N, C-alpha and C. Protein backbone atom coordinates (compact mmCIF):
# COMPACT_ATOMS: atom_id res chain seq x y z
N MET A 1 -13.01 14.18 -9.35
CA MET A 1 -13.21 12.74 -9.68
C MET A 1 -14.59 12.49 -9.25
N SER A 2 -15.34 11.98 -10.27
CA SER A 2 -16.64 11.67 -10.33
C SER A 2 -16.79 9.94 -10.23
N LEU A 3 -17.73 9.68 -9.37
CA LEU A 3 -17.89 8.10 -9.18
C LEU A 3 -19.45 7.94 -9.47
N ASP A 4 -19.91 7.15 -10.58
CA ASP A 4 -21.14 6.72 -10.93
C ASP A 4 -21.24 5.24 -10.47
N GLY A 5 -21.80 5.11 -9.26
CA GLY A 5 -22.12 3.62 -8.91
C GLY A 5 -23.51 3.03 -9.06
N SER A 6 -24.34 3.92 -9.93
CA SER A 6 -25.81 3.43 -10.02
C SER A 6 -26.16 2.08 -10.61
N SER A 7 -25.08 1.23 -11.08
CA SER A 7 -25.34 0.00 -11.60
C SER A 7 -24.56 -0.92 -10.90
N VAL A 8 -24.11 -0.87 -9.45
CA VAL A 8 -23.44 -1.64 -8.87
C VAL A 8 -23.90 -1.91 -7.66
N GLN A 9 -24.18 -3.31 -7.40
CA GLN A 9 -24.91 -3.75 -6.01
C GLN A 9 -23.87 -3.31 -4.88
N THR A 10 -24.80 -2.91 -3.90
CA THR A 10 -24.03 -3.02 -2.62
C THR A 10 -24.01 -4.12 -1.86
N HIS A 11 -22.70 -4.42 -0.98
CA HIS A 11 -22.63 -5.70 -0.18
C HIS A 11 -22.20 -6.81 -1.17
N VAL A 12 -21.72 -6.56 -2.40
CA VAL A 12 -21.51 -7.76 -3.29
C VAL A 12 -20.48 -7.25 -4.06
N GLY A 13 -19.45 -8.15 -4.05
CA GLY A 13 -18.04 -8.03 -4.65
C GLY A 13 -18.34 -8.61 -6.39
N SER A 14 -18.01 -7.64 -7.29
CA SER A 14 -18.49 -7.77 -8.67
C SER A 14 -17.33 -8.07 -9.37
N GLY A 15 -16.17 -8.87 -8.82
CA GLY A 15 -15.04 -9.30 -9.64
C GLY A 15 -14.33 -8.32 -9.89
N SER A 16 -14.32 -7.56 -11.20
CA SER A 16 -13.51 -6.48 -11.51
C SER A 16 -13.95 -5.34 -11.20
N GLY A 17 -15.26 -5.34 -10.70
CA GLY A 17 -15.80 -4.19 -10.44
C GLY A 17 -16.91 -3.54 -11.68
N GLY A 18 -17.24 -2.16 -11.34
CA GLY A 18 -18.49 -1.74 -12.41
C GLY A 18 -18.42 -0.32 -12.38
N GLY A 19 -19.45 0.11 -12.78
CA GLY A 19 -19.62 1.64 -12.48
C GLY A 19 -18.68 2.63 -13.63
N GLU A 20 -18.47 3.59 -13.17
CA GLU A 20 -17.73 4.44 -13.87
C GLU A 20 -17.13 5.52 -13.04
N VAL A 21 -15.61 5.73 -13.22
CA VAL A 21 -14.87 6.86 -12.24
C VAL A 21 -14.17 7.63 -13.50
N LYS A 22 -14.34 8.96 -13.50
CA LYS A 22 -13.59 9.76 -14.49
C LYS A 22 -13.41 11.28 -13.75
N ALA A 23 -12.36 11.86 -14.72
CA ALA A 23 -12.20 13.21 -14.08
C ALA A 23 -13.40 14.11 -14.11
N GLN A 24 -13.74 14.88 -13.20
CA GLN A 24 -14.52 15.95 -13.37
C GLN A 24 -14.33 17.34 -12.80
N PHE A 25 -14.79 18.43 -13.45
CA PHE A 25 -14.23 19.86 -13.05
C PHE A 25 -15.50 20.13 -11.84
N GLY A 26 -15.06 20.44 -10.55
CA GLY A 26 -16.02 20.89 -9.70
C GLY A 26 -16.26 19.78 -8.79
N ALA A 27 -17.70 20.02 -7.89
CA ALA A 27 -17.67 18.80 -6.70
C ALA A 27 -19.23 19.01 -6.61
N LEU A 28 -20.18 18.23 -7.24
CA LEU A 28 -21.40 18.20 -7.26
C LEU A 28 -21.79 16.92 -6.38
N ALA A 29 -22.93 16.36 -6.61
CA ALA A 29 -23.28 15.12 -6.05
C ALA A 29 -22.50 13.98 -6.22
N TRP A 30 -21.97 13.72 -7.22
CA TRP A 30 -21.21 12.38 -7.70
C TRP A 30 -20.06 12.78 -7.31
N GLU A 31 -19.19 13.69 -6.75
CA GLU A 31 -17.80 14.17 -6.52
C GLU A 31 -17.68 14.33 -4.84
N LYS A 32 -18.64 13.71 -4.35
CA LYS A 32 -18.50 13.83 -2.57
C LYS A 32 -18.36 12.55 -2.16
N TYR A 33 -17.31 12.22 -1.04
CA TYR A 33 -16.98 11.08 -0.68
C TYR A 33 -16.75 11.18 0.90
N LYS A 34 -17.07 9.99 1.55
CA LYS A 34 -16.69 9.72 2.86
C LYS A 34 -15.43 8.62 3.32
N ILE A 35 -14.50 9.19 3.84
CA ILE A 35 -13.23 8.45 3.99
C ILE A 35 -13.68 7.33 5.48
N VAL A 36 -13.37 6.24 5.04
CA VAL A 36 -14.09 5.08 5.97
C VAL A 36 -12.77 4.35 6.42
N ARG A 37 -12.64 4.31 7.75
CA ARG A 37 -11.56 3.31 8.32
C ARG A 37 -11.96 1.86 8.22
N THR A 38 -11.19 1.36 7.49
CA THR A 38 -11.52 -0.02 7.38
C THR A 38 -10.75 -1.40 8.19
N THR A 39 -9.59 -1.01 8.63
CA THR A 39 -8.70 -1.83 9.28
C THR A 39 -8.01 -1.23 10.46
N VAL A 40 -7.62 -1.88 11.66
CA VAL A 40 -6.70 -1.36 12.57
C VAL A 40 -5.26 -0.67 12.13
N THR A 41 -5.07 -1.03 10.72
CA THR A 41 -3.90 -0.74 10.33
C THR A 41 -3.70 0.71 9.54
N GLY A 42 -4.84 1.14 9.99
CA GLY A 42 -5.01 2.61 9.27
C GLY A 42 -5.63 2.70 7.73
N ALA A 43 -5.51 1.75 7.20
CA ALA A 43 -6.33 1.50 5.84
C ALA A 43 -7.67 2.27 5.82
N VAL A 44 -7.82 2.89 4.80
CA VAL A 44 -9.25 3.53 4.68
C VAL A 44 -9.76 3.28 3.19
N ALA A 45 -10.94 3.31 3.21
CA ALA A 45 -12.01 3.13 1.95
C ALA A 45 -12.51 4.49 1.38
N ILE A 46 -12.77 4.73 0.05
CA ILE A 46 -13.34 5.82 -0.18
C ILE A 46 -14.77 5.57 -0.86
N GLU A 47 -15.84 5.95 0.11
CA GLU A 47 -17.07 5.76 -0.08
C GLU A 47 -17.71 6.97 -0.79
N SER A 48 -18.81 6.68 -2.00
CA SER A 48 -19.52 7.60 -2.38
C SER A 48 -20.56 7.92 -1.68
N VAL A 49 -20.87 9.55 -1.27
CA VAL A 49 -21.87 10.02 -0.85
C VAL A 49 -23.17 9.83 -1.69
N ALA A 50 -22.99 10.02 -2.81
CA ALA A 50 -24.10 9.80 -3.59
C ALA A 50 -24.79 8.44 -3.81
N PHE A 51 -23.75 7.46 -3.42
CA PHE A 51 -24.19 5.85 -4.05
C PHE A 51 -23.57 5.16 -2.74
N PRO A 52 -24.18 5.37 -1.49
CA PRO A 52 -23.63 4.74 -0.41
C PRO A 52 -23.54 3.23 -0.49
N GLY A 53 -22.39 2.67 0.16
CA GLY A 53 -22.18 1.33 -0.12
C GLY A 53 -21.40 1.05 -1.28
N ARG A 54 -20.71 1.94 -2.03
CA ARG A 54 -20.00 1.73 -3.40
C ARG A 54 -18.77 2.51 -3.13
N PHE A 55 -17.75 1.84 -3.40
CA PHE A 55 -16.37 2.33 -3.11
C PHE A 55 -15.53 2.54 -4.32
N LEU A 56 -14.63 3.56 -4.36
CA LEU A 56 -13.61 3.68 -5.42
C LEU A 56 -12.87 2.48 -5.21
N ARG A 57 -12.52 1.83 -6.68
CA ARG A 57 -11.48 0.46 -6.71
C ARG A 57 -10.54 0.83 -7.90
N LEU A 58 -9.40 0.74 -7.15
CA LEU A 58 -8.15 0.78 -8.21
C LEU A 58 -7.79 -0.49 -8.47
N GLY A 59 -7.89 -1.04 -9.43
CA GLY A 59 -7.53 -2.41 -9.76
C GLY A 59 -6.20 -2.74 -10.24
N ARG A 60 -5.70 -3.69 -10.90
CA ARG A 60 -4.38 -4.01 -11.09
C ARG A 60 -3.84 -3.05 -12.20
N PRO A 61 -2.52 -3.16 -12.61
CA PRO A 61 -1.89 -2.06 -13.26
C PRO A 61 -2.69 -2.06 -14.96
N ASP A 62 -3.23 -3.05 -15.27
CA ASP A 62 -3.99 -3.04 -16.44
C ASP A 62 -5.42 -2.97 -16.54
N GLU A 63 -6.08 -2.69 -15.45
CA GLU A 63 -7.26 -2.27 -15.10
C GLU A 63 -7.58 -0.94 -14.84
N MET A 64 -8.88 -0.43 -15.29
CA MET A 64 -9.17 1.04 -15.10
C MET A 64 -9.68 1.19 -13.40
N ALA A 65 -9.83 2.49 -13.11
CA ALA A 65 -10.58 2.61 -12.03
C ALA A 65 -11.96 2.67 -12.10
N ASN A 66 -12.63 2.02 -10.92
CA ASN A 66 -14.00 1.83 -11.25
C ASN A 66 -14.56 1.84 -9.63
N VAL A 67 -15.83 1.01 -9.71
CA VAL A 67 -16.81 0.90 -8.49
C VAL A 67 -16.93 -0.43 -8.02
N GLN A 68 -16.94 -0.52 -6.61
CA GLN A 68 -17.03 -1.83 -6.21
C GLN A 68 -17.99 -1.82 -4.90
N GLY A 69 -19.08 -2.80 -4.70
CA GLY A 69 -20.00 -2.77 -3.77
C GLY A 69 -19.64 -3.26 -2.37
N MET A 70 -18.34 -3.29 -2.06
CA MET A 70 -17.87 -3.59 -0.93
C MET A 70 -16.32 -3.33 -0.90
N ALA A 71 -15.64 -2.76 0.51
CA ALA A 71 -14.65 -2.52 0.42
C ALA A 71 -13.52 -3.70 0.85
N LEU A 72 -13.09 -4.24 -0.36
CA LEU A 72 -12.04 -5.45 -0.18
C LEU A 72 -10.74 -4.67 -0.39
N GLU A 73 -9.72 -5.58 -0.68
CA GLU A 73 -8.36 -5.48 -0.73
C GLU A 73 -7.99 -3.87 -1.84
N LEU A 74 -8.61 -3.96 -2.94
CA LEU A 74 -8.42 -3.18 -4.02
C LEU A 74 -9.30 -1.88 -3.91
N GLU A 75 -9.81 -1.79 -2.77
CA GLU A 75 -10.66 -0.60 -2.37
C GLU A 75 -9.98 -0.04 -0.92
N HIS A 76 -8.90 -0.68 -0.73
CA HIS A 76 -8.08 -0.04 0.59
C HIS A 76 -7.10 1.10 0.38
N PHE A 77 -6.71 2.05 1.16
CA PHE A 77 -5.99 3.13 0.60
C PHE A 77 -5.21 3.37 1.96
N GLU A 78 -4.26 4.29 1.71
CA GLU A 78 -3.46 4.68 2.93
C GLU A 78 -3.25 6.34 2.36
N ILE A 79 -3.86 7.16 3.15
CA ILE A 79 -3.79 8.60 2.94
C ILE A 79 -2.68 9.05 3.74
N VAL A 80 -1.83 9.93 2.92
CA VAL A 80 -0.56 10.44 3.41
C VAL A 80 -0.85 11.95 3.58
N VAL A 81 -0.89 12.60 4.44
CA VAL A 81 -0.74 13.98 4.72
C VAL A 81 0.66 14.37 4.50
N ILE A 82 1.09 15.41 3.57
CA ILE A 82 2.47 16.07 3.39
C ILE A 82 2.18 17.50 3.76
N GLY A 83 3.01 17.68 4.58
CA GLY A 83 3.03 19.45 4.67
C GLY A 83 2.76 19.78 6.08
């Protein structure tokens, strides 16, 4: 997964998000992430290494995945390890 957050400001919620998230073969600079704990409930945010302060955003069912400049509700995830 590649995340281009170059057009997204940090520390600013941009409504429906921005930037671009797409499938990518391999893992170069735009495909590396930090898992950031966001709350005491165990939720995490997925932050771009190439674009610090930009987070993966999965919107409502009628929206595409994109980038947000802060970790709000739609940028919080639960990662479950199976096996």
